[in-house]
C-alpha atoms as a PDB file:
ATOM      1  CA  MET A   1     -18.059  24.347  21.590  1.00  0.00           C
ATOM      2  CA  THR A   2     -15.986  24.801  18.430  1.00  0.00           C
ATOM      3  CA  GLN A   3     -12.900  23.428  20.188  1.00  0.00           C
ATOM      4  CA  ILE A   4     -14.806  20.319  21.294  1.00  0.00           C
ATOM      5  CA  ALA A   5     -16.037  19.752  17.738  1.00  0.00           C
ATOM      6  CA  HIS A   6     -12.522  19.958  16.270  1.00  0.00           C
ATOM      7  CA  ARG A   7     -10.675  17.927  18.897  1.00  0.00           C
ATOM      8  CA  PRO A   8     -11.643  14.413  17.626  1.00  0.00           C
ATOM      9  CA  ILE A   9     -10.771  15.391  14.040  1.00  0.00           C
ATOM     10  CA  HIS A  10      -7.369  16.691  15.156  1.00  0.00           C
ATOM     11  CA  LYS A  11      -6.710  13.396  16.962  1.00  0.00           C
ATOM     12  CA  GLU A  12      -7.708  11.351  13.906  1.00  0.00           C
ATOM     13  CA  VAL A  13      -5.413  13.407  11.685  1.00  0.00           C
ATOM     14  CA  VAL A  14      -2.481  12.553  13.967  1.00  0.00           C
ATOM     15  CA  VAL A  15      -3.463   8.863  13.921  1.00  0.00           C
ATOM     16  CA  ALA A  16      -3.756   8.972  10.115  1.00  0.00           C
ATOM     17  CA  ILE A  17      -0.308  10.559   9.746  1.00  0.00           C
ATOM     18  CA  ALA A  18       1.163   7.884  12.032  1.00  0.00           C
ATOM     19  CA  ILE A  19      -0.473   5.026  10.100  1.00  0.00           C
ATOM     20  CA  THR A  20       0.583   6.415   6.715  1.00  0.00           C
ATOM     21  CA  SER A  21       4.135   6.997   7.942  1.00  0.00           C
ATOM     22  CA  LEU A  22       4.414   3.448   9.335  1.00  0.00           C
ATOM     23  CA  VAL A  23       3.163   1.933   6.070  1.00  0.00           C
ATOM     24  CA  ALA A  24       5.640   4.073   4.106  1.00  0.00           C
ATOM     25  CA  MET A  25       8.549   3.128   6.382  1.00  0.00           C
ATOM     26  CA  ALA A  26       7.667  -0.552   6.057  1.00  0.00           C
ATOM     27  CA  ALA A  27       7.571  -0.175   2.266  1.00  0.00           C
ATOM     28  CA  LEU A  28      11.031   1.407   2.257  1.00  0.00           C
ATOM     29  CA  TYR A  29      12.735  -1.035   4.641  1.00  0.00           C
ATOM     30  CA  LEU A  30      11.091  -4.403   3.963  1.00  0.00           C
ATOM     31  CA  ARG A  31      13.200  -5.774   1.144  1.00  0.00           C
ATOM     32  CA  LEU A  32      11.065  -8.507  -0.383  1.00  0.00           C
ATOM     33  CA  LEU A  33       7.645  -7.320   0.774  1.00  0.00           C
ATOM     34  CA  GLY A  34       8.429  -3.608   0.360  1.00  0.00           C
ATOM     35  CA  PRO A  35       6.866  -3.150  -3.110  1.00  0.00           C
ATOM     36  CA  PHE A  36       3.671  -4.927  -2.028  1.00  0.00           C
ATOM     37  CA  VAL A  37       3.391  -2.857   1.170  1.00  0.00           C
ATOM     38  CA  GLY A  38       4.129   0.286  -0.859  1.00  0.00           C
ATOM     39  CA  MET A  39       0.925  -0.247  -2.828  1.00  0.00           C
ATOM     40  CA  LEU A  40      -1.009   0.299   0.424  1.00  0.00           C
ATOM     41  CA  ILE A  41       0.362   3.827   1.026  1.00  0.00           C
ATOM     42  CA  PRO A  42      -2.563   5.606  -0.706  1.00  0.00           C
ATOM     43  CA  LEU A  43      -5.195   3.600   1.196  1.00  0.00           C
ATOM     44  CA  PRO A  44      -5.088   5.379   4.616  1.00  0.00           C
ATOM     45  CA  ILE A  45      -4.935   8.737   2.821  1.00  0.00           C
ATOM     46  CA  LEU A  46      -7.962   7.775   0.711  1.00  0.00           C
ATOM     47  CA  PHE A  47      -9.868   6.557   3.767  1.00  0.00           C
ATOM     48  CA  TYR A  48      -9.174   9.593   5.956  1.00  0.00           C
ATOM     49  CA  ARG A  49      -9.740  11.990   3.050  1.00  0.00           C
ATOM     50  CA  ALA A  50     -13.230  10.463   2.704  1.00  0.00           C
ATOM     51  CA  LYS A  51     -13.807  10.553   6.458  1.00  0.00           C
ATOM     52  CA  LEU A  52     -12.285  13.923   7.453  1.00  0.00           C
ATOM     53  CA  GLY A  53     -12.380  16.021   4.287  1.00  0.00           C
ATOM     54  CA  ARG A  54     -10.113  17.477   1.623  1.00  0.00           C
ATOM     55  CA  SER A  55      -7.915  19.732   3.783  1.00  0.00           C
ATOM     56  CA  SER A  56      -7.245  16.984   6.356  1.00  0.00           C
ATOM     57  CA  GLY A  57      -6.341  14.555   3.577  1.00  0.00           C
ATOM     58  CA  LEU A  58      -3.800  16.995   2.142  1.00  0.00           C
ATOM     59  CA  VAL A  59      -2.290  17.636   5.587  1.00  0.00           C
ATOM     60  CA  ILE A  60      -1.939  13.867   6.157  1.00  0.00           C
ATOM     61  CA  LEU A  61      -0.217  13.369   2.795  1.00  0.00           C
ATOM     62  CA  VAL A  62       2.256  16.242   3.147  1.00  0.00           C
ATOM     63  CA  ALA A  63       3.045  15.572   6.824  1.00  0.00           C
ATOM     64  CA  ALA A  64       3.622  11.825   6.322  1.00  0.00           C
ATOM     65  CA  SER A  65       5.861  12.472   3.283  1.00  0.00           C
ATOM     66  CA  LEU A  66       8.015  14.965   5.199  1.00  0.00           C
ATOM     67  CA  ILE A  67       8.214  12.851   8.370  1.00  0.00           C
ATOM     68  CA  VAL A  68       9.320   9.708   6.529  1.00  0.00           C
ATOM     69  CA  ALA A  69      11.791  11.662   4.375  1.00  0.00           C
ATOM     70  CA  ALA A  70      13.326  13.181   7.529  1.00  0.00           C
ATOM     71  CA  MET A  71      13.602   9.748   9.170  1.00  0.00           C
ATOM     72  CA  VAL A  72      15.226   8.182   6.119  1.00  0.00           C
ATOM     73  CA  GLY A  73      17.862  10.902   5.931  1.00  0.00           C
ATOM     74  CA  ARG A  74      19.579   9.897   2.684  1.00  0.00           C
ATOM     75  CA  HIS A  75      17.986  11.231  -0.493  1.00  0.00           C
ATOM     76  CA  SER A  76      15.289  12.838   1.646  1.00  0.00           C
ATOM     77  CA  LEU A  77      13.996  15.073  -1.164  1.00  0.00           C
ATOM     78  CA  VAL A  78      13.592  12.129  -3.542  1.00  0.00           C
ATOM     79  CA  THR A  79      11.850  10.136  -0.798  1.00  0.00           C
ATOM     80  CA  ALA A  80       9.457  12.978   0.009  1.00  0.00           C
ATOM     81  CA  VAL A  81       8.544  13.480  -3.651  1.00  0.00           C
ATOM     82  CA  PHE A  82       8.095   9.745  -4.211  1.00  0.00           C
ATOM     83  CA  LEU A  83       5.809   9.340  -1.179  1.00  0.00           C
ATOM     84  CA  PHE A  84       3.834  12.429  -2.146  1.00  0.00           C
ATOM     85  CA  GLU A  85       3.299  11.023  -5.647  1.00  0.00           C
ATOM     86  CA  VAL A  86       2.179   7.617  -4.361  1.00  0.00           C
ATOM     87  CA  GLY A  87      -0.072   9.134  -1.690  1.00  0.00           C
ATOM     88  CA  LEU A  88      -1.590  11.546  -4.219  1.00  0.00           C
ATOM     89  CA  VAL A  89      -3.419   8.551  -5.662  1.00  0.00           C
ATOM     90  CA  GLY A  90      -5.568   8.450  -2.506  1.00  0.00           C
ATOM     91  CA  LEU A  91      -6.477  12.138  -2.685  1.00  0.00           C
ATOM     92  CA  VAL A  92      -7.367  12.121  -6.373  1.00  0.00           C
ATOM     93  CA  LEU A  93      -9.328   8.868  -6.152  1.00  0.00           C
ATOM     94  CA  GLN A  94     -11.593  10.243  -3.446  1.00  0.00           C
ATOM     95  CA  GLU A  95     -12.168  13.456  -5.410  1.00  0.00           C
ATOM     96  CA  LEU A  96     -13.339  11.350  -8.349  1.00  0.00           C
ATOM     97  CA  PHE A  97     -15.386   9.013  -6.142  1.00  0.00           C
ATOM     98  CA  GLU A  98     -17.500  12.046  -5.272  1.00  0.00           C
ATOM     99  CA  THR A  99     -18.155  12.833  -8.952  1.00  0.00           C
ATOM    100  CA  ASN A 100     -19.489   9.306  -9.585  1.00  0.00           C
ATOM    101  CA  LEU A 101     -17.631   8.772 -12.875  1.00  0.00           C
ATOM    102  CA  SER A 102     -17.254   5.409 -14.599  1.00  0.00           C
ATOM    103  CA  VAL A 103     -14.475   3.104 -13.394  1.00  0.00           C
ATOM    104  CA  GLU A 104     -12.508   3.668 -16.627  1.00  0.00           C
ATOM    105  CA  LYS A 105     -12.552   7.444 -16.235  1.00  0.00           C
ATOM    106  CA  THR A 106     -11.794   7.222 -12.508  1.00  0.00           C
ATOM    107  CA  VAL A 107      -8.669   5.096 -13.068  1.00  0.00           C
ATOM    108  CA  ALA A 108      -7.510   6.984 -16.174  1.00  0.00           C
ATOM    109  CA  ILE A 109      -7.939  10.477 -14.699  1.00  0.00           C
ATOM    110  CA  THR A 110      -6.297   9.522 -11.386  1.00  0.00           C
ATOM    111  CA  ALA A 111      -3.318   7.987 -13.178  1.00  0.00           C
ATOM    112  CA  GLY A 112      -3.127  10.981 -15.523  1.00  0.00           C
ATOM    113  CA  VAL A 113      -3.091  13.510 -12.683  1.00  0.00           C
ATOM    114  CA  VAL A 114      -0.428  11.590 -10.739  1.00  0.00           C
ATOM    115  CA  ILE A 115       1.814  11.138 -13.805  1.00  0.00           C
ATOM    116  CA  ALA A 116       1.397  14.770 -14.865  1.00  0.00           C
ATOM    117  CA  THR A 117       2.274  15.953 -11.337  1.00  0.00           C
ATOM    118  CA  GLY A 118       5.352  13.734 -11.308  1.00  0.00           C
ATOM    119  CA  GLY A 119       6.405  15.020 -14.726  1.00  0.00           C
ATOM    120  CA  LEU A 120       5.984  18.602 -13.563  1.00  0.00           C
ATOM    121  CA  MET A 121       8.118  17.955 -10.464  1.00  0.00           C
ATOM    122  CA  LEU A 122      10.795  16.269 -12.585  1.00  0.00           C
ATOM    123  CA  ALA A 123      10.844  19.197 -15.015  1.00  0.00           C
ATOM    124  CA  LEU A 124      11.086  21.687 -12.139  1.00  0.00           C
ATOM    125  CA  TYR A 125      13.952  19.747 -10.530  1.00  0.00           C
ATOM    126  CA  SER A 126      15.760  19.549 -13.866  1.00  0.00           C
ATOM    127  CA  LEU A 127      15.353  23.284 -14.356  1.00  0.00           C
ATOM    128  CA  LEU A 128      16.659  24.144 -10.883  1.00  0.00           C
ATOM    129  CA  SER A 129      19.572  21.699 -11.067  1.00  0.00           C
ATOM    130  CA  ALA A 130      20.391  22.580 -14.707  1.00  0.00           C
ATOM    131  CA  THR A 131      20.298  18.910 -15.729  1.00  0.00           C
ATOM    132  CA  SER A 132      18.093  17.215 -18.302  1.00  0.00           C
ATOM    133  CA  PRO A 133      15.223  14.916 -17.172  1.00  0.00           C
ATOM    134  CA  TRP A 134      17.010  12.116 -19.064  1.00  0.00           C
ATOM    135  CA  THR A 135      20.145  12.586 -16.939  1.00  0.00           C
ATOM    136  CA  VAL A 136      18.097  12.694 -13.735  1.00  0.00           C
ATOM    137  CA  ALA A 137      16.289   9.473 -14.652  1.00  0.00           C
ATOM    138  CA  SER A 138      19.534   7.769 -15.717  1.00  0.00           C
ATOM    139  CA  SER A 139      21.241   8.710 -12.451  1.00  0.00           C
ATOM    140  CA  TYR A 140      18.281   7.448 -10.398  1.00  0.00           C
ATOM    141  CA  LEU A 141      18.156   4.110 -12.259  1.00  0.00           C
ATOM    142  CA  THR A 142      21.920   3.640 -11.887  1.00  0.00           C
ATOM    143  CA  ARG A 143      21.700   4.254  -8.113  1.00  0.00           C
ATOM    144  CA  SER A 144      18.742   1.882  -7.836  1.00  0.00           C
ATOM    145  CA  ALA A 145      20.648  -0.820  -9.726  1.00  0.00           C
ATOM    146  CA  ALA A 146      23.644  -0.361  -7.424  1.00  0.00           C
ATOM    147  CA  LEU A 147      21.409  -0.728  -4.361  1.00  0.00           C
ATOM    148  CA  ALA A 148      19.865  -3.868  -5.859  1.00  0.00           C
ATOM    149  CA  ILE A 149      23.319  -5.386  -6.358  1.00  0.00           C
ATOM    150  CA  ASP A 150      24.275  -4.560  -2.752  1.00  0.00           C
ATOM    151  CA  MET A 151      21.078  -6.241  -1.588  1.00  0.00           C
ATOM    152  CA  TYR A 152      21.871  -9.251  -3.791  1.00  0.00           C
ATOM    153  CA  ARG A 153      25.309  -9.507  -2.152  1.00  0.00           C
ATOM    154  CA  GLU A 154      23.855  -9.243   1.373  1.00  0.00           C
ATOM    155  CA  MET A 155      21.420 -12.055   0.569  1.00  0.00           C
ATOM    156  CA  GLY A 156      24.411 -14.400   0.245  1.00  0.00           C
ATOM    157  CA  ALA A 157      25.016 -14.467  -3.508  1.00  0.00           C
ATOM    158  CA  SER A 158      28.475 -15.557  -4.641  1.00  0.00           C
ATOM    159  CA  GLU A 159      30.943 -12.908  -5.801  1.00  0.00           C
ATOM    160  CA  GLU A 160      30.883 -14.430  -9.283  1.00  0.00           C
ATOM    161  CA  ASP A 161      27.099 -13.947  -9.537  1.00  0.00           C
ATOM    162  CA  VAL A 162      27.407 -10.423  -8.128  1.00  0.00           C
ATOM    163  CA  ASP A 163      30.066  -9.583 -10.734  1.00  0.00           C
ATOM    164  CA  ILE A 164      27.847 -10.885 -13.543  1.00  0.00           C
ATOM    165  CA  ALA A 165      24.944  -8.767 -12.265  1.00  0.00           C
ATOM    166  CA  ALA A 166      27.206  -5.707 -11.992  1.00  0.00           C
ATOM    167  CA  GLU A 167      28.354  -6.149 -15.604  1.00  0.00           C
ATOM    168  CA  ALA A 168      24.734  -6.317 -16.765  1.00  0.00           C
ATOM    169  CA  VAL A 169      23.775  -3.047 -15.025  1.00  0.00           C
ATOM    170  CA  GLU A 170      24.709  -0.800 -17.953  1.00  0.00           C
ATOM    171  CA  GLY A 171      22.559  -2.800 -20.371  1.00  0.00           C
ATOM    172  CA  ILE A 172      19.662  -2.957 -17.918  1.00  0.00           C
ATOM    173  CA  VAL A 173      19.761   0.809 -17.353  1.00  0.00           C
ATOM    174  CA  TYR A 174      19.935   1.390 -21.139  1.00  0.00           C
ATOM    175  CA  ILE A 175      16.788  -0.692 -21.737  1.00  0.00           C
ATOM    176  CA  ALA A 176      14.979   0.613 -18.643  1.00  0.00           C
ATOM    177  CA  LEU A 177      15.460   4.229 -19.737  1.00  0.00           C
ATOM    178  CA  ARG A 178      13.814   3.537 -23.083  1.00  0.00           C
ATOM    179  CA  ILE A 179      10.790   1.748 -21.659  1.00  0.00           C
ATOM    180  CA  LEU A 180      10.547   4.034 -18.624  1.00  0.00           C
ATOM    181  CA  PRO A 181       7.463   5.934 -19.923  1.00  0.00           C
ATOM    182  CA  SER A 182       5.415   2.742 -20.208  1.00  0.00           C
ATOM    183  CA  ILE A 183       6.739   1.369 -16.897  1.00  0.00           C
ATOM    184  CA  VAL A 184       5.642   4.576 -15.138  1.00  0.00           C
ATOM    185  CA  VAL A 185       2.179   4.398 -16.745  1.00  0.00           C
ATOM    186  CA  VAL A 186       1.764   0.685 -15.984  1.00  0.00           C
ATOM    187  CA  ALA A 187       2.936   1.034 -12.368  1.00  0.00           C
ATOM    188  CA  THR A 188       0.592   3.997 -11.804  1.00  0.00           C
ATOM    189  CA  LEU A 189      -2.385   2.228 -13.374  1.00  0.00           C
ATOM    190  CA  PHE A 190      -1.756  -0.849 -11.233  1.00  0.00           C
ATOM    191  CA  LEU A 191      -1.400   1.273  -8.089  1.00  0.00           C
ATOM    192  CA  VAL A 192      -4.671   3.102  -8.782  1.00  0.00           C
ATOM    193  CA  TRP A 193      -6.517  -0.097  -9.692  1.00  0.00           C
ATOM    194  CA  THR A 194      -5.302  -1.931  -6.550  1.00  0.00           C
ATOM    195  CA  ASN A 195      -6.356   0.876  -4.200  1.00  0.00           C
ATOM    196  CA  LEU A 196      -9.700   1.284  -5.947  1.00  0.00           C
ATOM    197  CA  LEU A 197     -10.457  -2.390  -5.278  1.00  0.00           C
ATOM    198  CA  LEU A 198      -9.164  -2.367  -1.689  1.00  0.00           C
ATOM    199  CA  ALA A 199     -11.126   0.800  -0.931  1.00  0.00           C
ATOM    200  CA  ARG A 200     -14.390  -0.958  -1.754  1.00  0.00           C
ATOM    201  CA  PHE A 201     -14.013  -3.444   1.109  1.00  0.00           C
ATOM    202  CA  LEU A 202     -12.713  -0.800   3.541  1.00  0.00           C
ATOM    203  CA  PHE A 203     -15.389   1.787   2.743  1.00  0.00           C
ATOM    204  CA  GLN A 204     -18.232  -0.697   2.866  1.00  0.00           C
ATOM    205  CA  SER A 205     -17.068  -2.064   6.229  1.00  0.00           C
ATOM    206  CA  LYS A 206     -16.911   1.497   7.633  1.00  0.00           C
ATOM    207  CA  ARG A 207     -20.170   2.563   5.946  1.00  0.00           C
ATOM    208  CA  LEU A 208     -18.565   5.263   3.844  1.00  0.00           C
ATOM    209  CA  PHE A 209     -19.794   6.195   0.379  1.00  0.00           C
ATOM    210  CA  TYR A 210     -18.304   4.120  -2.436  1.00  0.00           C
ATOM    211  CA  PRO A 211     -19.346   4.643  -6.073  1.00  0.00           C
ATOM    212  CA  ASP A 212     -21.431   2.034  -7.820  1.00  0.00           C
ATOM    213  CA  PHE A 213     -19.046   0.855 -10.533  1.00  0.00           C
ATOM    214  CA  GLY A 214     -21.205  -2.185 -11.232  1.00  0.00           C
ATOM    215  CA  LYS A 215     -19.752  -5.691 -11.262  1.00  0.00           C
ATOM    216  CA  LEU A 216     -16.063  -5.214 -12.010  1.00  0.00           C
ATOM    217  CA  SER A 217     -15.832  -8.910 -12.908  1.00  0.00           C
ATOM    218  CA  GLN A 218     -17.821  -7.956 -16.019  1.00  0.00           C
ATOM    219  CA  TRP A 219     -15.440  -5.156 -17.038  1.00  0.00           C
ATOM    220  CA  LYS A 220     -14.261  -5.114 -20.634  1.00  0.00           C
ATOM    221  CA  ALA A 221     -11.796  -2.853 -22.447  1.00  0.00           C
ATOM    222  CA  PRO A 222     -13.209  -0.765 -25.326  1.00  0.00           C
ATOM    223  CA  GLU A 223     -13.143  -2.887 -28.489  1.00  0.00           C
ATOM    224  CA  PRO A 224     -11.379  -0.252 -30.681  1.00  0.00           C
ATOM    225  CA  LEU A 225      -8.351  -0.661 -28.378  1.00  0.00           C
ATOM    226  CA  VAL A 226      -7.496  -3.786 -30.353  1.00  0.00           C
ATOM    227  CA  TRP A 227      -6.393  -1.527 -33.222  1.00  0.00           C
ATOM    228  CA  ALA A 228      -3.925   0.191 -30.880  1.00  0.00           C
ATOM    229  CA  VAL A 229      -2.393  -3.219 -30.123  1.00  0.00           C
ATOM    230  CA  ILE A 230      -2.144  -4.018 -33.837  1.00  0.00           C
ATOM    231  CA  ALA A 231      -0.595  -0.613 -34.563  1.00  0.00           C
ATOM    232  CA  SER A 232       1.937  -1.135 -31.758  1.00  0.00           C
ATOM    233  CA  GLY A 233       2.863  -4.523 -33.210  1.00  0.00           C
ATOM    234  CA  ILE A 234       3.387  -2.997 -36.665  1.00  0.00           C
ATOM    235  CA  MET A 235       5.685  -0.354 -35.142  1.00  0.00           C
ATOM    236  CA  LEU A 236       7.939  -3.140 -33.851  1.00  0.00           C
ATOM    237  CA  LEU A 237       8.562  -4.251 -37.433  1.00  0.00           C
ATOM    238  CA  VAL A 238       9.648  -0.811 -38.624  1.00  0.00           C
ATOM    239  CA  GLY A 239      13.403  -0.367 -38.967  1.00  0.00           C
ATOM    240  CA  ASN A 240      13.455   3.040 -37.266  1.00  0.00           C
ATOM    241  CA  SER A 241      14.623   2.652 -33.628  1.00  0.00           C
ATOM    242  CA  GLY A 242      12.541   5.605 -32.391  1.00  0.00           C
ATOM    243  CA  ILE A 243       9.302   4.204 -33.849  1.00  0.00           C
ATOM    244  CA  THR A 244      10.178   0.748 -32.514  1.00  0.00           C
ATOM    245  CA  MET A 245      10.568   2.131 -28.976  1.00  0.00           C
ATOM    246  CA  ILE A 246       7.196   3.911 -29.267  1.00  0.00           C
ATOM    247  CA  GLY A 247       5.684   0.584 -30.311  1.00  0.00           C
ATOM    248  CA  ILE A 248       7.273  -1.272 -27.381  1.00  0.00           C
ATOM    249  CA  ASN A 249       6.074   1.327 -24.867  1.00  0.00           C
ATOM    250  CA  SER A 250       2.565   1.325 -26.344  1.00  0.00           C
ATOM    251  CA  LEU A 251       2.425  -2.467 -26.313  1.00  0.00           C
ATOM    252  CA  ILE A 252       3.461  -2.630 -22.631  1.00  0.00           C
ATOM    253  CA  ILE A 253       0.636  -0.224 -21.707  1.00  0.00           C
ATOM    254  CA  MET A 254      -1.883  -2.208 -23.785  1.00  0.00           C
ATOM    255  CA  MET A 255      -0.792  -5.384 -22.009  1.00  0.00           C
ATOM    256  CA  MET A 256      -1.648  -3.834 -18.651  1.00  0.00           C
ATOM    257  CA  ILE A 257      -5.114  -2.830 -19.863  1.00  0.00           C
ATOM    258  CA  TYR A 258      -5.788  -6.346 -21.133  1.00  0.00           C
ATOM    259  CA  PHE A 259      -4.425  -7.724 -17.869  1.00  0.00           C
ATOM    260  CA  PHE A 260      -7.268  -5.854 -16.138  1.00  0.00           C
ATOM    261  CA  GLN A 261      -9.735  -7.496 -18.526  1.00  0.00           C
ATOM    262  CA  GLY A 262      -8.140 -10.910 -18.038  1.00  0.00           C
ATOM    263  CA  ILE A 263      -8.188 -10.656 -14.249  1.00  0.00           C
ATOM    264  CA  ALA A 264     -11.842  -9.596 -14.431  1.00  0.00           C
ATOM    265  CA  ILE A 265     -12.550 -12.864 -16.289  1.00  0.00           C
ATOM    266  CA  VAL A 266     -10.645 -14.839 -13.644  1.00  0.00           C
ATOM    267  CA  SER A 267     -12.651 -13.044 -10.936  1.00  0.00           C
ATOM    268  CA  PHE A 268     -15.897 -13.800 -12.791  1.00  0.00           C
ATOM    269  CA  TYR A 269     -15.254 -17.554 -12.721  1.00  0.00           C
ATOM    270  CA  LEU A 270     -13.977 -17.559  -9.144  1.00  0.00           C
ATOM    271  CA  GLU A 271     -17.209 -15.850  -8.080  1.00  0.00           C
ATOM    272  CA  LYS A 272     -19.305 -18.153 -10.227  1.00  0.00           C
ATOM    273  CA  LYS A 273     -17.705 -21.249  -8.700  1.00  0.00           C
ATOM    274  CA  GLN A 274     -17.923 -19.652  -5.218  1.00  0.00           C
ATOM    275  CA  PHE A 275     -14.247 -20.063  -4.361  1.00  0.00           C
ATOM    276  CA  PRO A 276     -13.400 -19.124  -0.723  1.00  0.00           C
ATOM    277  CA  ARG A 277     -11.901 -15.638  -0.373  1.00  0.00           C
ATOM    278  CA  LEU A 278      -8.600 -16.934   1.035  1.00  0.00           C
ATOM    279  CA  LEU A 279      -8.138 -19.234  -1.969  1.00  0.00           C
ATOM    280  CA  ARG A 280      -8.915 -16.341  -4.331  1.00  0.00           C
ATOM    281  CA  ILE A 281      -6.219 -14.210  -2.688  1.00  0.00           C
ATOM    282  CA  MET A 282      -3.737 -17.066  -3.026  1.00  0.00           C
ATOM    283  CA  LEU A 283      -4.568 -17.473  -6.725  1.00  0.00           C
ATOM    284  CA  TYR A 284      -4.201 -13.742  -7.384  1.00  0.00           C
ATOM    285  CA  GLY A 285      -0.841 -13.809  -5.612  1.00  0.00           C
ATOM    286  CA  LEU A 286       0.268 -16.770  -7.732  1.00  0.00           C
ATOM    287  CA  ILE A 287      -0.684 -14.882 -10.907  1.00  0.00           C
ATOM    288  CA  ALA A 288       1.312 -11.856  -9.728  1.00  0.00           C
ATOM    289  CA  MET A 289       4.436 -13.952  -9.071  1.00  0.00           C
ATOM    290  CA  GLN A 290       4.345 -16.331 -12.049  1.00  0.00           C
ATOM    291  CA  GLN A 291       5.199 -14.616 -15.349  1.00  0.00           C
ATOM    292  CA  LEU A 292       3.663 -17.386 -17.467  1.00  0.00           C
ATOM    293  CA  LEU A 293       0.346 -17.142 -15.630  1.00  0.00           C
ATOM    294  CA  LEU A 294       0.514 -13.353 -15.938  1.00  0.00           C
ATOM    295  CA  LEU A 295       0.987 -13.592 -19.719  1.00  0.00           C
ATOM    296  CA  LEU A 296      -1.829 -16.153 -19.896  1.00  0.00           C
ATOM    297  CA  VAL A 297      -4.201 -13.753 -18.101  1.00  0.00           C
ATOM    298  CA  ILE A 298      -3.212 -10.962 -20.521  1.00  0.00           C
ATOM    299  CA  ALA A 299      -3.822 -13.266 -23.503  1.00  0.00           C
ATOM    300  CA  VAL A 300      -7.245 -14.262 -22.117  1.00  0.00           C
ATOM    301  CA  GLY A 301      -8.135 -10.585 -21.724  1.00  0.00           C
ATOM    302  CA  PHE A 302      -7.036  -9.779 -25.280  1.00  0.00           C
ATOM    303  CA  PHE A 303      -8.800 -12.704 -27.006  1.00  0.00           C
ATOM    304  CA  ASP A 304     -11.952 -12.099 -24.957  1.00  0.00           C
ATOM    305  CA  THR A 305     -12.712  -9.390 -27.537  1.00  0.00           C
ATOM    306  CA  TRP A 306     -13.618 -12.163 -30.005  1.00  0.00           C
ATOM    307  CA  ILE A 307     -14.243 -15.253 -27.868  1.00  0.00           C
ATOM    308  CA  ASP A 308     -16.320 -13.639 -25.066  1.00  0.00           C
ATOM    309  CA  PHE A 309     -15.279 -16.002 -22.278  1.00  0.00           C
ATOM    310  CA  ARG A 310     -17.941 -14.749 -19.844  1.00  0.00           C
ATOM    311  CA  ARG A 311     -20.977 -15.339 -22.038  1.00  0.00           C
ATOM    312  CA  GLU A 312     -23.797 -17.342 -20.457  1.00  0.00           C
ATOM    313  CA  ARG A 313     -25.276 -19.830 -22.836  1.00  0.00           C
ATOM    314  CA  LYS A 314     -29.040 -19.694 -22.894  1.00  0.00           C
ATOM    315  CA  VAL A 315     -30.917 -22.857 -23.586  1.00  0.00           C
ATOM    316  CA  GLU A 316     -33.593 -22.126 -26.138  1.00  0.00           C
ATOM    317  CA  ASN A 317     -36.781 -23.991 -25.678  1.00  0.00           C
END
């Protein structure tokens, strides 16, 4: 009787590993769509962790990471660690879903756990390889830039353009290293936020428990956060390069938080005007691809602190 009870779960674990591995492989090999597909890696892990339990979720994450790393071959250790880090979002999110925390704490704690785990792995690798984390990060960014240039060449770019891009690599790596902390935080926050939103539709369609975060279109960043933005701006004016870099990194993180507030305002008006779902998806995609629209959404989120764009005017009789 025990064997019969465990057989369906075992089958679903295999299916979950296969789905997660396919999504990960697509993310690694689809050039233009790869980053967008990569954001979906935590979703099957989150879903099956909720459906099958903690131990099954961990098995799915570890097995999929190792399988994909083995199939990729090159830089298999880096691939395995990267996939584990991305997939960890799904495990941690579900753990926090069960505690019924606020949406702010759920996103912040998930991102914090994932970043701390990644930092610990980086420190361990640096210790074992006797190289500094800075050197490891610099080497990884240089390799990534070289791969990007190769991809640029394969896409049919002229040799002159490729040479210009190659000459700019050193400067790009120099800047990227100095804003890497904020880029890691921003990317992790966006990954967590995206999967939290996608999970709502998936869980509700499958009748799984999903926390009541309230109407996310009404979400607003804590008002004291404005002072952090002001402090970051002041740091940019200081002559010290170290303080300036802290200010830049802080400002990039603040921009992501106010992007969340801005996109909540956009969502509020799309819901209010009853835009079709397909049109909403197209508009969100346009915001993601157009830098000017992205900056506009961030600005709307920031100035909402004073203007309150979502207020409903009440007619007093």
